[in-house]
Amino acid sequence: MQPLDPGRLTLAKRVFDAAHLTGTFTLRSGVVSNEYFDKYRFETDPILLRDICLALADKMPTEVDALAGLELGGVPIATVLSQLTGLPAFFVRKQAKAYGTMRIAEGGSLAGRRVLIVEDVVTSGGAILDSAGPLRAEGALIGPVICVIDRQAGGADKLAAQGLALDALFTMTDLQAATGPS
């Protein structure tokens, strides 16, 4: 693994300082962890969120033409990325509404669009896998996945087994390198 350049190292420290909590936390995957990244702490800071999205925009593949922000944490990231890149953003629900449009993804038709899934923190990859099937059923061509933090807890491997490549702005290793041992 390559060390972070000084700019990304500074950004990693800012993300860590804003979002890293210690204690006892049950993750979405059911795993109990003694540390947690509260993504809302970096997603509700407008300057930090913009800086994160500027760095993510530099990592985005060119062969996509839409963003799919997963409920709830991926939505603010996809929204800012949409502003920065000009790509349309779709907001993906955990399950389709039982009323109104009754859609899994809001924002128009996904049919034939090459979609980049946008997520905040990836642990097991479960939320992404849960969304990929319904997005494909809507006609989306699911490409890579981008996230802010890969906790390096097996999510990337589970996604790869389903043909989804994960590209993270930061891994747990990056964040630890930026801040020293936790």
Protein backbone atom coordinates (compact mmCIF):
# COMPACT_ATOMS: atom_id res chain seq x y z
CA MET A 1 0.00 0.00 0.00
CA GLN A 2 1.33 3.40 -0.98
CA PRO A 3 1.60 6.17 1.63
CA LEU A 4 -0.75 9.12 1.30
CA ASP A 5 0.54 12.32 -0.25
CA PRO A 6 0.70 15.26 2.21
CA GLY A 7 -2.64 16.76 1.10
CA ARG A 8 -4.53 13.49 1.47
CA LEU A 9 -2.75 12.78 4.75
CA THR A 10 -4.03 16.11 6.11
CA LEU A 11 -7.54 15.34 4.85
CA ALA A 12 -7.40 11.87 6.42
CA LYS A 13 -6.50 13.43 9.76
CA ARG A 14 -9.40 15.88 9.46
CA VAL A 15 -11.82 13.03 8.70
CA PHE A 16 -10.46 10.96 11.58
CA ASP A 17 -10.60 13.87 14.03
CA ALA A 18 -14.16 14.75 13.00
CA ALA A 19 -15.69 11.28 12.84
CA HIS A 20 -13.73 8.73 14.90
CA LEU A 21 -15.42 7.60 18.11
CA THR A 22 -14.37 4.97 20.62
CA GLY A 23 -16.64 2.85 22.80
CA THR A 24 -18.80 -0.16 22.03
CA PHE A 25 -20.72 -0.01 18.77
CA THR A 26 -22.76 -2.57 16.84
CA LEU A 27 -22.17 -2.05 13.12
CA ARG A 28 -24.76 -2.62 10.37
CA SER A 29 -23.09 -5.97 9.72
CA GLY A 30 -23.81 -7.03 13.30
CA VAL A 31 -20.14 -6.94 14.22
CA VAL A 32 -19.33 -5.24 17.53
CA SER A 33 -16.47 -2.75 17.27
CA ASN A 34 -14.59 -0.62 19.77
CA GLU A 35 -14.31 2.18 17.21
CA TYR A 36 -16.83 3.82 14.95
CA PHE A 37 -16.76 6.40 12.19
CA ASP A 38 -19.78 8.67 12.57
CA LYS A 39 -20.07 9.76 8.97
CA TYR A 40 -22.63 12.40 9.85
CA ARG A 41 -19.87 14.30 11.60
CA PHE A 42 -18.02 14.79 8.31
CA GLU A 43 -21.14 14.95 6.14
CA THR A 44 -22.66 17.82 8.11
CA ASP A 45 -19.49 19.93 8.03
CA PRO A 46 -19.84 21.80 4.71
CA ILE A 47 -16.13 22.58 4.30
CA LEU A 48 -14.96 19.08 5.18
CA LEU A 49 -17.66 17.47 3.01
CA ARG A 50 -16.65 19.62 0.03
CA ASP A 51 -12.96 18.78 0.53
CA ILE A 52 -13.79 15.06 0.75
CA CYS A 53 -15.86 15.26 -2.43
CA LEU A 54 -13.17 17.18 -4.29
CA ALA A 55 -10.76 14.35 -3.46
CA LEU A 56 -13.36 11.72 -4.43
CA ALA A 57 -14.05 13.49 -7.74
CA ASP A 58 -10.36 13.08 -8.62
CA LYS A 59 -10.73 9.29 -8.07
CA MET A 60 -13.94 8.86 -10.07
CA PRO A 61 -13.81 6.74 -13.21
CA THR A 62 -14.69 8.51 -16.44
CA GLU A 63 -16.89 5.71 -17.78
CA VAL A 64 -19.92 6.53 -15.60
CA ASP A 65 -22.77 8.87 -16.37
CA ALA A 66 -24.74 8.89 -13.10
CA LEU A 67 -24.21 8.67 -9.35
CA ALA A 68 -26.26 6.52 -6.98
CA GLY A 69 -26.06 7.74 -3.39
CA LEU A 70 -27.18 5.11 -0.90
CA GLU A 71 -29.59 6.08 1.87
CA LEU A 72 -28.69 7.88 4.04
CA GLY A 73 -24.96 8.49 4.20
CA GLY A 74 -24.27 8.25 0.47
CA VAL A 75 -26.87 10.89 -0.42
CA PRO A 76 -24.99 14.02 0.74
CA ILE A 77 -21.78 12.74 -0.85
CA ALA A 78 -23.51 11.99 -4.16
CA THR A 79 -25.20 15.41 -4.06
CA VAL A 80 -21.93 17.31 -3.67
CA LEU A 81 -20.20 15.07 -6.24
CA SER A 82 -23.05 15.83 -8.62
CA GLN A 83 -22.45 19.55 -8.14
CA LEU A 84 -18.72 19.16 -8.70
CA THR A 85 -18.89 16.82 -11.72
CA GLY A 86 -22.17 17.74 -13.41
CA LEU A 87 -23.32 14.10 -13.26
CA PRO A 88 -26.91 13.48 -12.21
CA ALA A 89 -27.42 12.00 -8.76
CA PHE A 90 -29.98 9.36 -7.84
CA PHE A 91 -30.98 8.72 -4.25
CA VAL A 92 -31.27 5.02 -3.46
CA ARG A 93 -33.62 3.91 -0.71
CA LYS A 94 -33.09 0.84 1.46
CA GLN A 95 -36.44 -0.33 0.15
CA ALA A 96 -38.93 1.05 -2.32
CA LYS A 97 -41.65 3.30 -0.96
CA ALA A 98 -45.09 1.73 -0.67
CA TYR A 99 -46.69 4.93 -1.98
CA GLY A 100 -46.03 7.69 -4.52
CA THR A 101 -43.55 6.60 -7.17
CA MET A 102 -42.89 3.29 -5.36
CA ARG A 103 -39.30 3.41 -6.60
CA ILE A 104 -36.09 2.18 -5.02
CA ALA A 105 -34.18 5.09 -6.58
CA GLU A 106 -35.38 8.67 -6.89
CA GLY A 107 -34.26 11.05 -9.60
CA GLY A 108 -35.57 9.65 -12.87
CA SER A 109 -34.92 6.63 -15.01
CA LEU A 110 -31.82 4.51 -14.42
CA ALA A 111 -32.36 2.40 -17.54
CA GLY A 112 -29.15 2.15 -19.56
CA ARG A 113 -27.18 4.49 -17.29
CA ARG A 114 -23.66 3.55 -16.21
CA VAL A 115 -23.95 4.12 -12.48
CA LEU A 116 -21.27 4.72 -9.86
CA ILE A 117 -22.54 3.67 -6.42
CA VAL A 118 -21.55 6.21 -3.76
CA GLU A 119 -21.28 5.17 -0.10
CA ASP A 120 -19.83 6.70 3.03
CA VAL A 121 -18.31 3.88 5.09
CA VAL A 122 -17.92 0.27 3.93
CA THR A 123 -17.53 -2.56 6.42
CA SER A 124 -19.10 -5.74 5.03
CA GLY A 125 -20.46 -4.19 1.83
CA GLY A 126 -23.96 -5.35 2.75
CA ALA A 127 -25.79 -2.10 1.97
CA ILE A 128 -24.13 -1.93 -1.44
CA LEU A 129 -24.96 -5.55 -2.24
CA ASP A 130 -28.55 -5.01 -1.06
CA SER A 131 -28.87 -2.07 -3.47
CA ALA A 132 -27.07 -3.46 -6.52
CA GLY A 133 -29.77 -6.01 -7.43
CA PRO A 134 -32.70 -3.57 -7.32
CA LEU A 135 -30.67 -0.97 -9.24
CA ARG A 136 -29.91 -3.54 -11.93
CA ALA A 137 -33.60 -4.46 -12.00
CA GLU A 138 -34.29 -0.77 -12.79
CA GLY A 139 -31.96 -1.11 -15.79
CA ALA A 140 -28.85 0.50 -14.27
CA LEU A 141 -25.48 -0.72 -15.46
CA ILE A 142 -23.65 -0.93 -12.15
CA GLY A 143 -19.99 -0.12 -12.41
CA PRO A 144 -17.55 0.57 -9.66
CA VAL A 145 -18.31 1.67 -6.11
CA ILE A 146 -16.68 4.62 -4.40
CA CYS A 147 -16.64 5.37 -0.69
CA VAL A 148 -14.99 7.69 1.81
CA ILE A 149 -13.81 5.00 4.26
CA ASP A 150 -13.13 1.30 3.73
CA ARG A 151 -12.88 -0.23 7.20
CA GLN A 152 -10.95 -3.13 5.60
CA ALA A 153 -13.30 -5.66 7.18
CA GLY A 154 -13.97 -7.82 4.13
CA GLY A 155 -16.36 -5.55 2.25
CA ALA A 156 -14.09 -5.03 -0.75
CA ASP A 157 -13.69 -8.80 -1.18
CA LYS A 158 -17.43 -9.43 -0.91
CA LEU A 159 -18.11 -6.74 -3.48
CA ALA A 160 -15.40 -8.06 -5.81
CA ALA A 161 -16.99 -11.53 -5.61
CA GLN A 162 -20.12 -9.91 -7.08
CA GLY A 163 -18.21 -8.05 -9.79
CA LEU A 164 -18.16 -4.69 -7.99
CA ALA A 165 -14.80 -2.95 -7.60
CA LEU A 166 -14.48 -0.76 -4.50
CA ASP A 167 -12.34 2.37 -4.57
CA ALA A 168 -12.02 4.12 -1.21
CA LEU A 169 -10.74 7.60 -0.55
CA PHE A 170 -9.31 6.24 2.71
CA THR A 171 -8.79 2.84 4.23
CA MET A 172 -8.58 2.19 7.94
CA THR A 173 -4.82 1.85 7.44
CA ASP A 174 -4.70 5.34 5.86
CA LEU A 175 -6.62 6.88 8.74
CA GLN A 176 -4.43 5.20 11.32
CA ALA A 177 -1.30 6.38 9.48
CA ALA A 178 -2.63 9.94 9.52
CA THR A 179 -3.30 9.92 13.25
CA GLY A 180 -0.95 7.37 14.71
CA PRO A 181 -2.15 4.29 16.62
CA SER A 182 -5.59 4.62 18.18
